[in-house]
Amino acid sequence: MTNITLPIKAGIIGTGYVANQRAQTLQADSRSHLIAVSGYTPETTQQFAQTHKTLAVDSWQQVVEHPNIDLVFICTINRDHGTIARATLEAGKDVVIEYPLSLDPTEAESLIALAQSKSKLLHVEHIELLGGLHQALRQWLPKIGNAFYARYITIVPKHPAPKRWSYNPELFGFPFNAALPHIHRFTNLFGDVASVSCQSRFWNLSDYYSACLCTAQMRFGNSLIAEVTYGKGDRFWQGLRNFEVHGEEGTLLFEGQQGTLIRGEERISIEVAGKRGLFVKDTNMVLDHLTKGTPLYVSPAESVYALKVADTARQSAAMGESKVING
């Protein structure tokens, strides 16, 4: 990786919540300076630029091609991730991108190879690995012995369903490819997947759907069976965020922010840290990596493997049959 002169000069593509967190962190750190931002609409981009005392430009291409920018944060719609990441790497700049790296695993793998050939950073954000739920799972898994079954369910009711990009199949992608942490939590904890079976349903599907439901069963190389469910929109009336793992010596149950270890009559409460500040932490870790060489908490290859499993789930749902994971 090439040496970077301080302060690191950054650009941001996107003006949403994540972009805002990135911008605040970059401007507050003496090691970095936010040079320019591009967004979906000129009005929003100008307002964002004024808030963070930076330059608003008309297109993401102008951020990528800006001669003074060393590092680009890609915080925009999923469909465009791969295209923008490729252009950024080809321009000789480091890349930080929100998951997924691409909606297409083959393209994602080619981007990793491109980053390596250019000796550039390619960091795919996965803040779920830094969050309280995942850290608690990692800490307490040894307490339940050999894990053989796990289930993760996320249901988000929305009334009315929003007409925004995350409800647009083309812009968002297949739900498990797009909401990649639902798969990545499992692959990070339990390793390689042998086979996947998936079903999906969409309501009022046109440019935007009003609700979606995806459920997949994965069999892991270590024989663990896992089920993952993701649903959102106006057909749901009760929100859920539950994760459970059953082992031969106990069960871990997480309901929202409340965790419990269950062994017979024994119930041990597990403290789960909140989710605030994780994008700040991720951004600081990137700056530490670039300035001090400290390792990051996730590799692009791990992210792409999860994406490969998610895309196999997409194929299974489309074809109505189980799919074996190859490689």
Protein backbone atom coordinates (compact mmCIF):
# COMPACT_ATOMS: atom_id res chain seq x y z
CA MET A 1 0.00 0.00 0.00
CA THR A 2 1.34 3.40 -0.94
CA ASN A 3 2.33 5.95 1.68
CA ILE A 4 -0.15 8.78 2.15
CA THR A 5 0.81 12.34 2.99
CA LEU A 6 -1.08 13.83 5.94
CA PRO A 7 -3.68 15.06 6.11
CA ILE A 8 -5.41 12.34 4.09
CA LYS A 9 -7.57 14.13 1.54
CA ALA A 10 -10.96 12.45 1.22
CA GLY A 11 -14.02 12.64 -0.95
CA ILE A 12 -17.51 11.29 -0.22
CA ILE A 13 -20.08 10.02 -2.70
CA GLY A 14 -23.49 10.21 -1.02
CA THR A 15 -25.21 12.54 1.42
CA GLY A 16 -27.26 10.22 3.64
CA TYR A 17 -26.84 9.17 7.26
CA VAL A 18 -23.67 7.15 6.70
CA ALA A 19 -22.05 9.88 4.61
CA ASN A 20 -22.85 12.36 7.36
CA GLN A 21 -21.18 10.17 9.99
CA ARG A 22 -18.13 9.77 7.77
CA ALA A 23 -17.90 13.51 7.11
CA GLN A 24 -18.15 14.46 10.77
CA THR A 25 -15.39 12.02 11.68
CA LEU A 26 -13.07 13.08 8.85
CA GLN A 27 -13.43 16.77 9.64
CA ALA A 28 -12.90 16.23 13.36
CA ASP A 29 -9.66 14.28 12.89
CA SER A 30 -6.39 16.16 12.24
CA ARG A 31 -5.20 13.26 10.06
CA SER A 32 -7.87 13.86 7.41
CA HIS A 33 -9.61 16.59 5.46
CA LEU A 34 -12.82 16.31 3.44
CA ILE A 35 -12.17 17.85 0.02
CA ALA A 36 -15.41 17.28 -1.90
CA VAL A 37 -18.81 15.57 -1.88
CA SER A 38 -21.33 14.54 -4.53
CA GLY A 39 -24.95 13.59 -4.00
CA TYR A 40 -28.20 12.68 -5.68
CA THR A 41 -29.68 16.19 -5.82
CA PRO A 42 -27.87 19.56 -6.06
CA GLU A 43 -29.86 21.02 -3.16
CA THR A 44 -29.04 18.20 -0.75
CA THR A 45 -25.41 18.17 -1.84
CA GLN A 46 -25.02 21.91 -1.31
CA GLN A 47 -26.59 21.68 2.15
CA PHE A 48 -24.30 18.76 3.07
CA ALA A 49 -21.25 20.65 1.82
CA GLN A 50 -22.17 23.74 3.82
CA THR A 51 -22.71 21.69 6.97
CA HIS A 52 -19.31 20.02 6.69
CA LYS A 53 -17.43 23.00 5.21
CA THR A 54 -16.41 21.25 2.01
CA LEU A 55 -16.93 21.52 -1.75
CA ALA A 56 -20.08 20.27 -3.50
CA VAL A 57 -19.50 18.82 -6.98
CA ASP A 58 -22.02 17.76 -9.61
CA SER A 59 -21.20 14.08 -10.06
CA TRP A 60 -19.44 11.13 -8.47
CA GLN A 61 -17.02 11.18 -11.40
CA GLN A 62 -15.79 14.59 -10.26
CA VAL A 63 -15.02 13.18 -6.81
CA VAL A 64 -13.16 10.21 -8.30
CA GLU A 65 -11.19 12.38 -10.73
CA HIS A 66 -10.40 15.20 -8.28
CA PRO A 67 -6.60 15.58 -8.37
CA ASN A 68 -6.28 16.33 -4.65
CA ILE A 69 -8.31 13.39 -3.34
CA ASP A 70 -6.48 10.29 -2.00
CA LEU A 71 -9.36 8.37 -0.45
CA VAL A 72 -12.99 7.98 -1.58
CA PHE A 73 -15.90 6.91 0.62
CA ILE A 74 -18.73 5.36 -1.42
CA CYS A 75 -22.01 5.80 0.46
CA THR A 76 -24.58 5.64 -2.31
CA ILE A 77 -27.15 3.21 -3.77
CA ASN A 78 -26.14 -0.46 -4.00
CA ARG A 79 -26.53 -0.74 -7.78
CA ASP A 80 -23.70 1.74 -8.41
CA HIS A 81 -21.17 0.41 -5.88
CA GLY A 82 -19.17 -1.76 -8.27
CA THR A 83 -18.99 0.82 -11.04
CA ILE A 84 -17.82 3.60 -8.73
CA ALA A 85 -15.33 1.39 -6.88
CA ARG A 86 -13.76 0.30 -10.18
CA ALA A 87 -13.43 3.90 -11.41
CA THR A 88 -11.91 4.96 -8.08
CA LEU A 89 -9.33 2.19 -8.05
CA GLU A 90 -8.43 2.81 -11.69
CA ALA A 91 -7.88 6.46 -10.76
CA GLY A 92 -5.28 5.28 -8.22
CA LYS A 93 -7.22 6.13 -5.06
CA ASP A 94 -8.02 4.17 -1.90
CA VAL A 95 -11.62 3.04 -1.43
CA VAL A 96 -13.94 2.66 1.55
CA ILE A 97 -17.34 1.34 0.54
CA GLU A 98 -20.52 0.36 2.36
CA TYR A 99 -21.58 -3.26 1.84
CA PRO A 100 -22.12 -4.78 -0.64
CA LEU A 101 -18.95 -4.19 -2.66
CA SER A 102 -21.09 -5.08 -5.69
CA LEU A 103 -24.40 -6.85 -6.21
CA ASP A 104 -22.48 -9.31 -8.42
CA PRO A 105 -19.94 -11.58 -6.66
CA THR A 106 -17.89 -12.03 -9.83
CA GLU A 107 -17.48 -8.27 -10.20
CA ALA A 108 -16.66 -8.00 -6.50
CA GLU A 109 -13.86 -10.55 -6.85
CA SER A 110 -12.45 -8.64 -9.82
CA LEU A 111 -12.42 -5.44 -7.75
CA ILE A 112 -10.36 -7.14 -5.04
CA ALA A 113 -7.86 -8.21 -7.69
CA LEU A 114 -7.77 -4.68 -9.12
CA ALA A 115 -7.12 -3.15 -5.68
CA GLN A 116 -4.27 -5.61 -5.13
CA SER A 117 -2.75 -4.84 -8.53
CA LYS A 118 -2.88 -1.11 -7.76
CA SER A 119 -1.62 -1.56 -4.15
CA LYS A 120 -4.67 0.36 -2.93
CA LEU A 121 -6.90 -0.03 0.10
CA LEU A 122 -10.30 -1.58 -0.58
CA HIS A 123 -12.27 -1.69 2.67
CA VAL A 124 -15.86 -2.93 2.70
CA GLU A 125 -17.64 -1.65 5.81
CA HIS A 126 -19.33 -4.28 7.98
CA ILE A 127 -20.13 -2.47 11.20
CA GLU A 128 -22.35 -5.35 12.37
CA LEU A 129 -19.11 -7.15 13.26
CA LEU A 130 -18.19 -4.25 15.58
CA GLY A 131 -21.65 -4.05 17.17
CA GLY A 132 -22.74 -5.24 20.59
CA LEU A 133 -24.84 -8.18 19.36
CA HIS A 134 -22.04 -9.75 17.33
CA GLN A 135 -19.42 -9.12 20.00
CA ALA A 136 -21.66 -10.75 22.62
CA LEU A 137 -22.28 -13.72 20.33
CA ARG A 138 -18.55 -14.21 19.86
CA GLN A 139 -17.86 -13.91 23.57
CA TRP A 140 -20.58 -16.30 24.73
CA LEU A 141 -20.57 -18.98 21.99
CA PRO A 142 -17.99 -21.15 23.81
CA LYS A 143 -20.41 -21.39 26.77
CA ILE A 144 -22.93 -23.50 24.82
CA GLY A 145 -20.60 -26.17 23.47
CA ASN A 146 -20.93 -27.46 19.92
CA ALA A 147 -23.45 -25.26 18.10
CA PHE A 148 -25.78 -27.17 15.77
CA TYR A 149 -28.67 -24.79 14.98
CA ALA A 150 -28.95 -21.00 14.65
CA ARG A 151 -31.72 -18.65 13.59
CA TYR A 152 -31.72 -14.93 12.82
CA ILE A 153 -34.87 -12.99 12.04
CA THR A 154 -35.27 -9.30 11.21
CA ILE A 155 -38.72 -7.87 10.53
CA VAL A 156 -39.18 -4.12 9.97
CA PRO A 157 -42.80 -2.91 9.52
CA LYS A 158 -43.25 0.26 7.45
CA HIS A 159 -46.65 1.96 7.12
CA PRO A 160 -46.85 3.27 4.51
CA ALA A 161 -44.04 1.57 2.62
CA PRO A 162 -41.57 4.26 1.50
CA LYS A 163 -40.92 4.88 -2.18
CA ARG A 164 -37.19 5.04 -1.77
CA TRP A 165 -34.24 3.23 -3.30
CA SER A 166 -34.15 0.50 -0.64
CA TYR A 167 -37.58 -0.68 -1.88
CA ASN A 168 -36.51 -0.66 -5.53
CA PRO A 169 -35.28 -4.07 -6.78
CA GLU A 170 -32.84 -2.62 -9.30
CA LEU A 171 -31.29 -0.03 -6.99
CA PHE A 172 -31.28 -2.15 -3.79
CA GLY A 173 -30.70 -5.62 -5.20
CA PHE A 174 -31.92 -8.99 -3.93
CA PRO A 175 -32.55 -8.50 -0.20
CA PHE A 176 -29.84 -10.89 1.07
CA ASN A 177 -27.25 -9.44 -1.35
CA ALA A 178 -28.21 -5.94 -0.25
CA ALA A 179 -28.69 -6.55 3.49
CA LEU A 180 -25.53 -8.65 3.50
CA PRO A 181 -25.00 -8.76 7.30
CA HIS A 182 -27.85 -11.25 7.56
CA ILE A 183 -25.57 -13.76 5.85
CA HIS A 184 -22.23 -12.34 6.97
CA ARG A 185 -22.98 -12.74 10.68
CA PHE A 186 -23.27 -16.50 10.10
CA THR A 187 -20.23 -16.93 7.86
CA ASN A 188 -18.13 -14.87 10.27
CA LEU A 189 -19.19 -17.02 13.22
CA PHE A 190 -19.46 -20.47 11.66
CA GLY A 191 -17.30 -20.55 8.51
CA ASP A 192 -18.02 -22.01 5.10
CA VAL A 193 -21.49 -22.85 3.81
CA ALA A 194 -22.09 -26.14 1.97
CA SER A 195 -25.60 -25.53 0.59
CA VAL A 196 -28.42 -22.97 0.58
CA SER A 197 -32.16 -23.13 0.05
CA CYS A 198 -34.10 -19.88 -0.21
CA GLN A 199 -37.61 -18.59 -0.83
CA SER A 200 -38.70 -15.00 -1.41
CA ARG A 201 -41.91 -13.05 -1.88
CA PHE A 202 -42.57 -9.44 -2.93
CA TRP A 203 -45.81 -7.48 -2.70
CA ASN A 204 -46.96 -4.96 -5.34
CA LEU A 205 -43.72 -5.46 -7.22
CA SER A 206 -43.13 -2.81 -9.91
CA ASP A 207 -40.59 0.01 -9.74
CA TYR A 208 -40.98 -0.22 -5.97
CA TYR A 209 -42.41 -3.01 -3.85
CA SER A 210 -44.48 -2.39 -0.74
CA ALA A 211 -43.07 -5.36 1.21
CA CYS A 212 -40.61 -8.20 0.84
CA LEU A 213 -39.94 -11.44 2.67
CA CYS A 214 -36.86 -13.63 2.20
CA THR A 215 -36.04 -16.74 4.17
CA ALA A 216 -33.07 -19.05 3.65
CA GLN A 217 -31.72 -22.21 5.22
CA MET A 218 -27.97 -22.78 5.14
CA ARG A 219 -26.07 -25.95 5.95
CA PHE A 220 -22.51 -25.25 7.01
CA GLY A 221 -19.41 -27.32 6.44
CA ASN A 222 -19.36 -28.10 10.18
CA SER A 223 -22.96 -29.48 9.89
CA LEU A 224 -24.59 -26.52 11.66
CA ILE A 225 -28.00 -25.64 10.18
CA ALA A 226 -28.95 -21.96 10.13
CA GLU A 227 -32.12 -20.14 9.15
CA VAL A 228 -32.21 -16.47 8.30
CA THR A 229 -35.30 -14.34 7.64
CA TYR A 230 -35.48 -10.76 6.42
CA GLY A 231 -38.76 -8.92 5.93
CA LYS A 232 -39.84 -5.30 5.68
CA GLY A 233 -42.71 -3.15 4.49
CA ASP A 234 -46.43 -2.68 4.89
CA ARG A 235 -47.44 -6.33 5.24
CA PHE A 236 -45.76 -6.62 8.63
CA TRP A 237 -47.22 -5.40 11.91
CA GLN A 238 -44.68 -6.46 14.52
CA GLY A 239 -40.99 -5.67 14.42
CA LEU A 240 -38.50 -8.40 15.39
CA ARG A 241 -34.74 -8.66 15.70
CA ASN A 242 -33.94 -12.02 17.25
CA PHE A 243 -30.83 -14.18 17.05
CA GLU A 244 -30.61 -17.59 18.69
CA VAL A 245 -27.93 -20.27 18.72
CA HIS A 246 -28.53 -23.76 20.09
CA GLY A 247 -25.57 -25.77 21.30
CA GLU A 248 -25.14 -29.14 22.94
CA GLU A 249 -24.54 -27.46 26.32
CA GLY A 250 -26.89 -24.48 26.18
CA THR A 251 -28.74 -21.85 24.15
CA LEU A 252 -27.99 -18.21 23.42
CA LEU A 253 -31.04 -16.03 22.85
CA PHE A 254 -30.86 -12.38 21.81
CA GLU A 255 -34.11 -10.42 21.54
CA GLY A 256 -33.33 -6.89 20.42
CA GLN A 257 -30.72 -5.62 22.87
CA GLN A 258 -31.46 -8.26 25.53
CA GLY A 259 -29.32 -11.39 25.62
CA THR A 260 -29.70 -14.56 27.69
CA LEU A 261 -27.64 -17.71 28.18
CA ILE A 262 -29.97 -20.65 28.93
CA ARG A 263 -28.69 -23.87 30.46
CA GLY A 264 -31.44 -25.96 32.09
CA GLU A 265 -33.00 -23.81 34.81
CA GLU A 266 -30.09 -21.40 34.65
CA ARG A 267 -30.70 -18.00 33.03
CA ILE A 268 -27.75 -15.63 32.73
CA SER A 269 -28.40 -12.13 31.43
CA ILE A 270 -25.98 -10.93 28.73
CA GLU A 271 -25.19 -7.26 28.34
CA VAL A 272 -25.37 -6.09 24.73
CA ALA A 273 -23.71 -2.80 23.85
CA GLY A 274 -25.58 -0.32 21.65
CA LYS A 275 -25.00 0.49 18.00
CA ARG A 276 -24.18 4.17 18.32
CA GLY A 277 -20.88 5.42 16.98
CA LEU A 278 -19.99 2.41 14.83
CA PHE A 279 -19.50 4.35 11.59
CA VAL A 280 -17.24 6.73 13.51
CA LYS A 281 -15.29 3.72 14.81
CA ASP A 282 -15.05 2.22 11.32
CA THR A 283 -13.78 5.53 9.87
CA ASN A 284 -11.20 5.91 12.63
CA MET A 285 -10.00 2.36 12.03
CA VAL A 286 -9.50 3.19 8.34
CA LEU A 287 -7.43 6.25 9.29
CA ASP A 288 -5.41 4.16 11.75
CA HIS A 289 -4.81 1.57 9.05
CA LEU A 290 -3.61 4.13 6.53
CA THR A 291 -1.44 6.07 8.96
CA LYS A 292 -0.17 3.35 11.33
CA GLY A 293 -0.66 0.13 9.41
CA THR A 294 -2.97 -1.32 12.07
CA PRO A 295 -5.10 -4.21 10.76
CA LEU A 296 -8.76 -3.74 9.88
CA TYR A 297 -11.47 -5.91 11.41
CA VAL A 298 -12.71 -7.45 8.14
CA SER A 299 -11.22 -8.30 4.76
CA PRO A 300 -12.86 -7.73 1.37
CA ALA A 301 -12.55 -11.48 0.72
CA GLU A 302 -14.71 -12.25 3.77
CA SER A 303 -17.33 -9.79 2.56
CA VAL A 304 -17.29 -11.28 -0.94
CA TYR A 305 -17.67 -14.81 0.42
CA ALA A 306 -20.81 -13.73 2.27
CA LEU A 307 -22.00 -12.07 -0.95
CA LYS A 308 -21.40 -15.33 -2.83
CA VAL A 309 -23.58 -17.19 -0.33
CA ALA A 310 -26.26 -14.48 -0.57
CA ASP A 311 -26.23 -14.66 -4.36
CA THR A 312 -26.56 -18.43 -4.22
CA ALA A 313 -29.66 -17.83 -2.07
CA ARG A 314 -30.96 -15.49 -4.79
CA GLN A 315 -30.45 -18.20 -7.40
CA SER A 316 -32.17 -20.76 -5.19
CA ALA A 317 -35.21 -18.51 -4.76
CA ALA A 318 -35.39 -17.90 -8.51
CA MET A 319 -35.05 -21.58 -9.45
CA GLY A 320 -37.03 -23.10 -6.59
CA GLU A 321 -34.30 -25.55 -5.62
CA SER A 322 -31.42 -25.92 -3.18
CA LYS A 323 -28.00 -24.82 -4.38
CA VAL A 324 -24.57 -26.13 -3.47
CA ILE A 325 -21.85 -23.57 -2.76
CA ASN A 326 -18.87 -24.17 -5.04
CA GLY A 327 -15.53 -22.90 -3.82
